[in-house]
Amino acid sequence: VDGHMYSRISNPTVACVEEKIAALEGGVGALCTSSGQ
């Protein structure tokens, strides 16, 4: 099932930004990280 369990792998605020970045790039999904590296 979908949902957030712990903010080490997902968070509602971050998830919205991930969805926006995926939409901007035309992808099916995105994962935000703590740095570009």
Full PDB file with SEQRES, HELIX, SHEET, SSBOND, CRYST1, ORIGX, SCALE, CONECT and MASTER records, all heavy atoms in Angstrom:
SEQRES   1 A   37  VAL ASP GLY HIS MET TYR SER ARG ILE SER ASN PRO THR          
SEQRES   2 A   37  VAL ALA CYS VAL GLU GLU LYS ILE ALA ALA LEU GLU GLY          
SEQRES   3 A   37  GLY VAL GLY ALA LEU CYS THR SER SER GLY GLN                  
HELIX    1 AA1 PRO A   12  GLU A   25  1                                  14    
CRYST1    1.000    1.000    1.000  90.00  90.00  90.00 P 1           1          
ORIGX1      1.000000  0.000000  0.000000        0.00000                         
ORIGX2      0.000000  1.000000  0.000000        0.00000                         
ORIGX3      0.000000  0.000000  1.000000        0.00000                         
SCALE1      1.000000  0.000000  0.000000        0.00000                         
SCALE2      0.000000  1.000000  0.000000        0.00000                         
SCALE3      0.000000  0.000000  1.000000        0.00000                         
ATOM      1  N   VAL A   1       0.854  -1.183   0.000  1.00  0.00           N  
ATOM      2  CA  VAL A   1       0.000   0.000   0.000  1.00  0.00           C  
ATOM      3  C   VAL A   1       0.896   1.241   0.000  1.00  0.00           C  
ATOM      4  O   VAL A   1       2.049   1.187   0.433  1.00  0.00           O  
ATOM      5  CB  VAL A   1      -0.951   0.055   1.221  1.00  0.00           C  
ATOM      6  CG1 VAL A   1      -1.926  -1.108   1.191  1.00  0.00           C  
ATOM      7  CG2 VAL A   1      -0.170   0.086   2.524  1.00  0.00           C  
ATOM      8  N   ASP A   2       0.351   2.345  -0.508  1.00  0.00           N  
ATOM      9  CA  ASP A   2       1.089   3.600  -0.499  1.00  0.00           C  
ATOM     10  C   ASP A   2       0.901   4.314   0.835  1.00  0.00           C  
ATOM     11  O   ASP A   2      -0.129   4.165   1.503  1.00  0.00           O  
ATOM     12  CB  ASP A   2       0.604   4.512  -1.622  1.00  0.00           C  
ATOM     13  CG  ASP A   2       0.958   3.973  -2.995  1.00  0.00           C  
ATOM     14  OD1 ASP A   2       1.996   3.278  -3.098  1.00  0.00           O  
ATOM     15  OD2 ASP A   2       0.215   4.244  -3.960  1.00  0.00           O  
ATOM     16  N   GLY A   3       1.896   5.134   1.187  1.00  0.00           N  
ATOM     17  CA  GLY A   3       1.790   5.933   2.403  1.00  0.00           C  
ATOM     18  C   GLY A   3       3.162   6.235   2.975  1.00  0.00           C  
ATOM     19  O   GLY A   3       4.166   5.657   2.566  1.00  0.00           O  
ATOM     20  N   HIS A   4       3.185   7.159   3.913  1.00  0.00           N  
ATOM     21  CA  HIS A   4       4.429   7.551   4.562  1.00  0.00           C  
ATOM     22  C   HIS A   4       4.571   6.783   5.870  1.00  0.00           C  
ATOM     23  O   HIS A   4       3.632   6.720   6.658  1.00  0.00           O  
ATOM     24  CB  HIS A   4       4.436   9.058   4.837  1.00  0.00           C  
ATOM     25  CG  HIS A   4       4.210   9.882   3.614  1.00  0.00           C  
ATOM     26  ND1 HIS A   4       5.190  10.090   2.675  1.00  0.00           N  
ATOM     27  CD2 HIS A   4       3.104  10.537   3.168  1.00  0.00           C  
ATOM     28  CE1 HIS A   4       4.711  10.849   1.704  1.00  0.00           C  
ATOM     29  NE2 HIS A   4       3.444  11.127   1.976  1.00  0.00           N  
ATOM     30  N   MET A   5       5.763   6.222   6.087  1.00  0.00           N  
ATOM     31  CA  MET A   5       5.987   5.515   7.345  1.00  0.00           C  
ATOM     32  C   MET A   5       7.033   6.197   8.208  1.00  0.00           C  
ATOM     33  O   MET A   5       6.960   6.167   9.434  1.00  0.00           O  
ATOM     34  CB  MET A   5       6.387   4.060   7.087  1.00  0.00           C  
ATOM     35  CG  MET A   5       7.705   3.884   6.347  1.00  0.00           C  
ATOM     36  SD  MET A   5       8.173   2.156   6.146  1.00  0.00           S  
ATOM     37  CE  MET A   5       7.355   1.746   4.612  1.00  0.00           C  
ATOM     38  N   TYR A   6       8.015   6.812   7.547  1.00  0.00           N  
ATOM     39  CA  TYR A   6       9.112   7.429   8.287  1.00  0.00           C  
ATOM     40  C   TYR A   6       9.788   8.423   7.351  1.00  0.00           C  
ATOM     41  O   TYR A   6       9.980   8.139   6.168  1.00  0.00           O  
ATOM     42  CB  TYR A   6      10.105   6.347   8.753  1.00  0.00           C  
ATOM     43  CG  TYR A   6      11.016   6.773   9.874  1.00  0.00           C  
ATOM     44  CD1 TYR A   6      10.508   7.159  11.108  1.00  0.00           C  
ATOM     45  CD2 TYR A   6      12.400   6.781   9.713  1.00  0.00           C  
ATOM     46  CE1 TYR A   6      11.344   7.541  12.151  1.00  0.00           C  
ATOM     47  CE2 TYR A   6      13.247   7.162  10.746  1.00  0.00           C  
ATOM     48  CZ  TYR A   6      12.709   7.546  11.955  1.00  0.00           C  
ATOM     49  OH  TYR A   6      13.538   7.924  12.987  1.00  0.00           O  
ATOM     50  N   SER A   7      10.158   9.589   7.875  1.00  0.00           N  
ATOM     51  CA  SER A   7      10.665  10.654   7.010  1.00  0.00           C  
ATOM     52  C   SER A   7      12.108  10.460   6.563  1.00  0.00           C  
ATOM     53  O   SER A   7      12.697  11.365   5.969  1.00  0.00           O  
ATOM     54  CB  SER A   7      10.514  12.018   7.694  1.00  0.00           C  
ATOM     55  OG  SER A   7       9.148  12.400   7.714  1.00  0.00           O  
ATOM     56  N   ARG A   8      12.653   9.280   6.804  1.00  0.00           N  
ATOM     57  CA  ARG A   8      13.948   8.952   6.214  1.00  0.00           C  
ATOM     58  C   ARG A   8      13.805   8.587   4.742  1.00  0.00           C  
ATOM     59  O   ARG A   8      14.758   8.682   3.971  1.00  0.00           O  
ATOM     60  CB  ARG A   8      14.612   7.789   6.964  1.00  0.00           C  
ATOM     61  CG  ARG A   8      16.072   7.568   6.562  1.00  0.00           C  
ATOM     62  CD  ARG A   8      16.740   6.520   7.417  1.00  0.00           C  
ATOM     63  NE  ARG A   8      16.302   5.176   7.082  1.00  0.00           N  
ATOM     64  CZ  ARG A   8      15.928   4.252   7.973  1.00  0.00           C  
ATOM     65  NH1 ARG A   8      15.924   4.550   9.268  1.00  0.00           N  
ATOM     66  NH2 ARG A   8      15.557   3.057   7.590  1.00  0.00           N  
ATOM     67  N   ILE A   9      12.604   8.159   4.334  1.00  0.00           N  
ATOM     68  CA  ILE A   9      12.407   7.785   2.928  1.00  0.00           C  
ATOM     69  C   ILE A   9      11.282   8.555   2.240  1.00  0.00           C  
ATOM     70  O   ILE A   9      11.230   8.602   1.022  1.00  0.00           O  
ATOM     71  CB  ILE A   9      12.170   6.267   2.764  1.00  0.00           C  
ATOM     72  CG1 ILE A   9      10.870   5.832   3.441  1.00  0.00           C  
ATOM     73  CG2 ILE A   9      13.342   5.464   3.282  1.00  0.00           C  
ATOM     74  CD1 ILE A   9      10.462   4.415   3.093  1.00  0.00           C  
ATOM     75  N   SER A  10      10.389   9.176   3.016  1.00  0.00           N  
ATOM     76  CA  SER A  10       9.335   9.977   2.394  1.00  0.00           C  
ATOM     77  C   SER A  10       8.696  10.892   3.426  1.00  0.00           C  
ATOM     78  O   SER A  10       8.729  10.626   4.630  1.00  0.00           O  
ATOM     79  CB  SER A  10       8.262   9.086   1.744  1.00  0.00           C  
ATOM     80  OG  SER A  10       7.523   8.394   2.738  1.00  0.00           O  
ATOM     81  N   ASN A  11       8.123  11.977   2.919  1.00  0.00           N  
ATOM     82  CA  ASN A  11       7.488  12.986   3.758  1.00  0.00           C  
ATOM     83  C   ASN A  11       6.467  13.709   2.880  1.00  0.00           C  
ATOM     84  O   ASN A  11       6.727  13.936   1.692  1.00  0.00           O  
ATOM     85  CB  ASN A  11       8.555  13.956   4.282  1.00  0.00           C  
ATOM     86  CG  ASN A  11       7.978  15.197   4.928  1.00  0.00           C  
ATOM     87  OD1 ASN A  11       7.595  16.131   4.235  1.00  0.00           O  
ATOM     88  ND2 ASN A  11       7.938  15.208   6.246  1.00  0.00           N  
ATOM     89  N   PRO A  12       5.309  14.086   3.393  1.00  0.00           N  
ATOM     90  CA  PRO A  12       4.283  14.697   2.545  1.00  0.00           C  
ATOM     91  C   PRO A  12       4.715  15.975   1.841  1.00  0.00           C  
ATOM     92  O   PRO A  12       4.371  16.200   0.672  1.00  0.00           O  
ATOM     93  CB  PRO A  12       3.140  14.978   3.527  1.00  0.00           C  
ATOM     94  CG  PRO A  12       3.334  13.987   4.626  1.00  0.00           C  
ATOM     95  CD  PRO A  12       4.809  13.826   4.767  1.00  0.00           C  
ATOM     96  N   THR A  13       5.487  16.831   2.523  1.00  0.00           N  
ATOM     97  CA  THR A  13       5.952  18.065   1.876  1.00  0.00           C  
ATOM     98  C   THR A  13       6.923  17.745   0.752  1.00  0.00           C  
ATOM     99  O   THR A  13       6.805  18.254  -0.367  1.00  0.00           O  
ATOM    100  CB  THR A  13       6.634  18.991   2.905  1.00  0.00           C  
ATOM    101  OG1 THR A  13       5.754  19.221   3.999  1.00  0.00           O  
ATOM    102  CG2 THR A  13       7.006  20.324   2.261  1.00  0.00           C  
ATOM    103  N   VAL A  14       7.886  16.871   1.059  1.00  0.00           N  
ATOM    104  CA  VAL A  14       8.883  16.502   0.057  1.00  0.00           C  
ATOM    105  C   VAL A  14       8.218  15.792  -1.118  1.00  0.00           C  
ATOM    106  O   VAL A  14       8.584  15.995  -2.282  1.00  0.00           O  
ATOM    107  CB  VAL A  14       9.994  15.626   0.672  1.00  0.00           C  
ATOM    108  CG1 VAL A  14      11.095  15.360  -0.365  1.00  0.00           C  
ATOM    109  CG2 VAL A  14      10.588  16.262   1.914  1.00  0.00           C  
ATOM    110  N   ALA A  15       7.227  14.962  -0.821  1.00  0.00           N  
ATOM    111  CA  ALA A  15       6.540  14.207  -1.876  1.00  0.00           C  
ATOM    112  C   ALA A  15       5.879  15.136  -2.893  1.00  0.00           C  
ATOM    113  O   ALA A  15       5.874  14.857  -4.101  1.00  0.00           O  
ATOM    114  CB  ALA A  15       5.499  13.275  -1.263  1.00  0.00           C  
ATOM    115  N   CYS A  16       5.319  16.243  -2.421  1.00  0.00           N  
ATOM    116  CA  CYS A  16       4.702  17.200  -3.347  1.00  0.00           C  
ATOM    117  C   CYS A  16       5.746  17.822  -4.273  1.00  0.00           C  
ATOM    118  O   CYS A  16       5.496  18.038  -5.462  1.00  0.00           O  
ATOM    119  CB  CYS A  16       3.977  18.287  -2.565  1.00  0.00           C  
ATOM    120  SG  CYS A  16       2.465  17.722  -1.740  1.00  0.00           S  
ATOM    121  N   VAL A  17       6.918  18.100  -3.723  1.00  0.00           N  
ATOM    122  CA  VAL A  17       7.993  18.679  -4.535  1.00  0.00           C  
ATOM    123  C   VAL A  17       8.521  17.637  -5.524  1.00  0.00           C  
ATOM    124  O   VAL A  17       8.823  17.954  -6.679  1.00  0.00           O  
ATOM    125  CB  VAL A  17       9.116  19.217  -3.633  1.00  0.00           C  
ATOM    126  CG1 VAL A  17      10.256  19.787  -4.470  1.00  0.00           C  
ATOM    127  CG2 VAL A  17       8.568  20.293  -2.697  1.00  0.00           C  
ATOM    128  N   GLU A  18       8.616  16.393  -5.088  1.00  0.00           N  
ATOM    129  CA  GLU A  18       9.029  15.316  -5.997  1.00  0.00           C  
ATOM    130  C   GLU A  18       8.060  15.190  -7.167  1.00  0.00           C  
ATOM    131  O   GLU A  18       8.481  15.033  -8.325  1.00  0.00           O  
ATOM    132  CB  GLU A  18       9.112  13.995  -5.226  1.00  0.00           C  
ATOM    133  CG  GLU A  18      10.270  13.937  -4.244  1.00  0.00           C  
ATOM    134  CD  GLU A  18      10.202  12.752  -3.289  1.00  0.00           C  
ATOM    135  OE1 GLU A  18       9.095  12.213  -3.078  1.00  0.00           O  
ATOM    136  OE2 GLU A  18      11.256  12.375  -2.740  1.00  0.00           O  
ATOM    137  N   GLU A  19       6.789  15.276  -6.873  1.00  0.00           N  
ATOM    138  CA  GLU A  19       5.783  15.190  -7.938  1.00  0.00           C  
ATOM    139  C   GLU A  19       5.920  16.357  -8.917  1.00  0.00           C  
ATOM    140  O   GLU A  19       5.793  16.185 -10.136  1.00  0.00           O  
ATOM    141  CB  GLU A  19       4.386  15.178  -7.321  1.00  0.00           C  
ATOM    142  CG  GLU A  19       3.273  14.944  -8.331  1.00  0.00           C  
ATOM    143  CD  GLU A  19       1.895  14.856  -7.698  1.00  0.00           C  
ATOM    144  OE1 GLU A  19       1.808  14.537  -6.492  1.00  0.00           O  
ATOM    145  OE2 GLU A  19       0.903  15.112  -8.410  1.00  0.00           O  
ATOM    146  N   LYS A  20       6.217  17.552  -8.385  1.00  0.00           N  
ATOM    147  CA  LYS A  20       6.390  18.722  -9.251  1.00  0.00           C  
ATOM    148  C   LYS A  20       7.616  18.557 -10.150  1.00  0.00           C  
ATOM    149  O   LYS A  20       7.556  18.835 -11.353  1.00  0.00           O  
ATOM    150  CB  LYS A  20       6.521  19.992  -8.413  1.00  0.00           C  
ATOM    151  CG  LYS A  20       6.803  21.240  -9.247  1.00  0.00           C  
ATOM    152  CD  LYS A  20       6.738  22.518  -8.406  1.00  0.00           C  
ATOM    153  CE  LYS A  20       5.309  22.831  -8.029  1.00  0.00           C  
ATOM    154  NZ  LYS A  20       5.191  24.131  -7.323  1.00  0.00           N  
ATOM    155  N   ILE A  21       8.733  18.110  -9.594  1.00  0.00           N  
ATOM    156  CA  ILE A  21       9.952  17.937 -10.384  1.00  0.00           C  
ATOM    157  C   ILE A  21       9.745  16.877 -11.459  1.00  0.00           C  
ATOM    158  O   ILE A  21      10.182  17.042 -12.600  1.00  0.00           O  
ATOM    159  CB  ILE A  21      11.146  17.591  -9.468  1.00  0.00           C  
ATOM    160  CG1 ILE A  21      11.494  18.799  -8.584  1.00  0.00           C  
ATOM    161  CG2 ILE A  21      12.359  17.163 -10.289  1.00  0.00           C  
ATOM    162  CD1 ILE A  21      12.551  18.513  -7.539  1.00  0.00           C  
ATOM    163  N   ALA A  22       9.066  15.774 -11.107  1.00  0.00           N  
ATOM    164  CA  ALA A  22       8.768  14.741 -12.102  1.00  0.00           C  
ATOM    165  C   ALA A  22       7.914  15.307 -13.229  1.00  0.00           C  
ATOM    166  O   ALA A  22       8.149  15.015 -14.410  1.00  0.00           O  
ATOM    167  CB  ALA A  22       8.062  13.559 -11.439  1.00  0.00           C  
ATOM    168  N   ALA A  23       6.944  16.129 -12.883  1.00  0.00           N  
ATOM    169  CA  ALA A  23       6.076  16.735 -13.903  1.00  0.00           C  
ATOM    170  C   ALA A  23       6.862  17.700 -14.790  1.00  0.00           C  
ATOM    171  O   ALA A  23       6.670  17.739 -16.007  1.00  0.00           O  
ATOM    172  CB  ALA A  23       4.908  17.464 -13.236  1.00  0.00           C  
ATOM    173  N   LEU A  24       7.755  18.473 -14.197  1.00  0.00           N  
ATOM    174  CA  LEU A  24       8.564  19.417 -14.975  1.00  0.00           C  
ATOM    175  C   LEU A  24       9.445  18.689 -15.988  1.00  0.00           C  
ATOM    176  O   LEU A  24       9.616  19.142 -17.117  1.00  0.00           O  
ATOM    177  CB  LEU A  24       9.423  20.266 -14.046  1.00  0.00           C  
ATOM    178  CG  LEU A  24       8.698  21.357 -13.247  1.00  0.00           C  
ATOM    179  CD1 LEU A  24       9.596  21.913 -12.150  1.00  0.00           C  
ATOM    180  CD2 LEU A  24       8.238  22.483 -14.174  1.00  0.00           C  
ATOM    181  N   GLU A  25      10.000  17.547 -15.589  1.00  0.00           N  
ATOM    182  CA  GLU A  25      10.888  16.787 -16.475  1.00  0.00           C  
ATOM    183  C   GLU A  25      10.131  15.825 -17.390  1.00  0.00           C  
ATOM    184  O   GLU A  25      10.707  15.279 -18.327  1.00  0.00           O  
ATOM    185  CB  GLU A  25      11.921  16.003 -15.656  1.00  0.00           C  
ATOM    186  CG  GLU A  25      13.050  16.841 -15.088  1.00  0.00           C  
ATOM    187  CD  GLU A  25      14.044  17.301 -16.144  1.00  0.00           C  
ATOM    188  OE1 GLU A  25      13.805  17.052 -17.348  1.00  0.00           O  
ATOM    189  OE2 GLU A  25      15.057  17.918 -15.776  1.00  0.00           O  
ATOM    190  N   GLY A  26       8.851  15.595 -17.096  1.00  0.00           N  
ATOM    191  CA  GLY A  26       8.086  14.648 -17.901  1.00  0.00           C  
ATOM    192  C   GLY A  26       8.358  13.209 -17.526  1.00  0.00           C  
ATOM    193  O   GLY A  26       8.261  12.313 -18.375  1.00  0.00           O  
ATOM    194  N   GLY A  27       8.675  12.949 -16.252  1.00  0.00           N  
ATOM    195  CA  GLY A  27       8.970  11.601 -15.781  1.00  0.00           C  
ATOM    196  C   GLY A  27       7.812  10.967 -15.045  1.00  0.00           C  
ATOM    197  O   GLY A  27       6.792  11.615 -14.779  1.00  0.00           O  
ATOM    198  N   VAL A  28       7.988   9.689 -14.688  1.00  0.00           N  
ATOM    199  CA  VAL A  28       6.938   8.966 -13.967  1.00  0.00           C  
ATOM    200  C   VAL A  28       7.081   9.089 -12.459  1.00  0.00           C  
ATOM    201  O   VAL A  28       6.169   8.746 -11.706  1.00  0.00           O  
ATOM    202  CB  VAL A  28       6.918   7.470 -14.350  1.00  0.00           C  
ATOM    203  CG1 VAL A  28       6.607   7.296 -15.824  1.00  0.00           C  
ATOM    204  CG2 VAL A  28       8.238   6.783 -13.987  1.00  0.00           C  
ATOM    205  N   GLY A  29       8.229   9.570 -12.011  1.00  0.00           N  
ATOM    206  CA  GLY A  29       8.444   9.713 -10.577  1.00  0.00           C  
ATOM    207  C   GLY A  29       9.794  10.330 -10.298  1.00  0.00           C  
ATOM    208  O   GLY A  29      10.691  10.318 -11.141  1.00  0.00           O  
ATOM    209  N   ALA A  30       9.923  10.891  -9.087  1.00  0.00           N  
ATOM    210  CA  ALA A  30      11.182  11.516  -8.688  1.00  0.00           C  
ATOM    211  C   ALA A  30      11.478  11.194  -7.235  1.00  0.00           C  
ATOM    212  O   ALA A  30      10.568  10.890  -6.447  1.00  0.00           O  
ATOM    213  CB  ALA A  30      11.134  13.026  -8.903  1.00  0.00           C  
ATOM    214  N   LEU A  31      12.748  11.286  -6.890  1.00  0.00           N  
ATOM    215  CA  LEU A  31      13.202  11.091  -5.518  1.00  0.00           C  
ATOM    216  C   LEU A  31      14.104  12.258  -5.155  1.00  0.00           C  
ATOM    217  O   LEU A  31      15.133  12.468  -5.788  1.00  0.00           O  
ATOM    218  CB  LEU A  31      13.981   9.776  -5.387  1.00  0.00           C  
ATOM    219  CG  LEU A  31      14.673   9.507  -4.041  1.00  0.00           C  
ATOM    220  CD1 LEU A  31      13.633   9.316  -2.931  1.00  0.00           C  
ATOM    221  CD2 LEU A  31      15.584   8.290  -4.133  1.00  0.00           C  
ATOM    222  N   CYS A  32      13.720  13.032  -4.156  1.00  0.00           N  
ATOM    223  CA  CYS A  32      14.576  14.110  -3.691  1.00  0.00           C  
ATOM    224  C   CYS A  32      15.647  13.558  -2.753  1.00  0.00           C  
ATOM    225  O   CYS A  32      15.405  12.602  -2.010  1.00  0.00           O  
ATOM    226  CB  CYS A  32      13.757  15.187  -2.980  1.00  0.00           C  
ATOM    227  SG  CYS A  32      12.885  16.298  -4.109  1.00  0.00           S  
ATOM    228  N   THR A  33      16.810  14.183  -2.782  1.00  0.00           N  
ATOM    229  CA  THR A  33      17.941  13.750  -1.962  1.00  0.00           C  
ATOM    230  C   THR A  33      18.515  14.950  -1.219  1.00  0.00           C  
ATOM    231  O   THR A  33      18.146  16.094  -1.472  1.00  0.00           O  
ATOM    232  CB  THR A  33      19.041  13.113  -2.836  1.00  0.00           C  
ATOM    233  OG1 THR A  33      19.566  14.117  -3.726  1.00  0.00           O  
ATOM    234  CG2 THR A  33      18.490  11.955  -3.652  1.00  0.00           C  
ATOM    235  N   SER A  34      19.473  14.674  -0.338  1.00  0.00           N  
ATOM    236  CA  SER A  34      20.043  15.739   0.481  1.00  0.00           C  
ATOM    237  C   SER A  34      21.069  16.580  -0.255  1.00  0.00           C  
ATOM    238  O   SER A  34      21.499  17.615   0.247  1.00  0.00           O  
ATOM    239  CB  SER A  34      20.680  15.131   1.741  1.00  0.00           C  
ATOM    240  OG  SER A  34      21.667  14.177   1.374  1.00  0.00           O  
ATOM    241  N   SER A  35      21.498  16.161  -1.445  1.00  0.00           N  
ATOM    242  CA  SER A  35      22.440  16.942  -2.250  1.00  0.00           C  
ATOM    243  C   SER A  35      22.443  16.411  -3.674  1.00  0.00           C  
ATOM    244  O   SER A  35      21.965  15.301  -3.945  1.00  0.00           O  
ATOM    245  CB  SER A  35      23.859  16.855  -1.673  1.00  0.00           C  
ATOM    246  OG  SER A  35      24.394  15.554  -1.859  1.00  0.00           O  
ATOM    247  N   GLY A  36      23.021  17.206  -4.582  1.00  0.00           N  
ATOM    248  CA  GLY A  36      23.160  16.744  -5.954  1.00  0.00           C  
ATOM    249  C   GLY A  36      24.119  15.575  -6.059  1.00  0.00           C  
ATOM    250  O   GLY A  36      23.927  14.675  -6.885  1.00  0.00           O  
ATOM    251  N   GLN A  37      25.158  15.567  -5.223  1.00  0.00           N  
ATOM    252  CA  GLN A  37      26.103  14.456  -5.231  1.00  0.00           C  
ATOM    253  C   GLN A  37      25.411  13.149  -4.853  1.00  0.00           C  
ATOM    254  O   GLN A  37      25.668  12.098  -5.446  1.00  0.00           O  
ATOM    255  CB  GLN A  37      27.252  14.725  -4.257  1.00  0.00           C  
ATOM    256  CG  GLN A  37      28.252  15.759  -4.734  1.00  0.00           C  
ATOM    257  CD  GLN A  37      29.048  15.286  -5.939  1.00  0.00           C  
ATOM    258  OE1 GLN A  37      28.600  15.428  -7.072  1.00  0.00           O  
ATOM    259  NE2 GLN A  37      30.213  14.739  -5.703  1.00  0.00           N  
TER     260      GLN A  37                                                      
MASTER        0    0    0    1    0    0    0    6  259    1    0    3          
END                                                                             
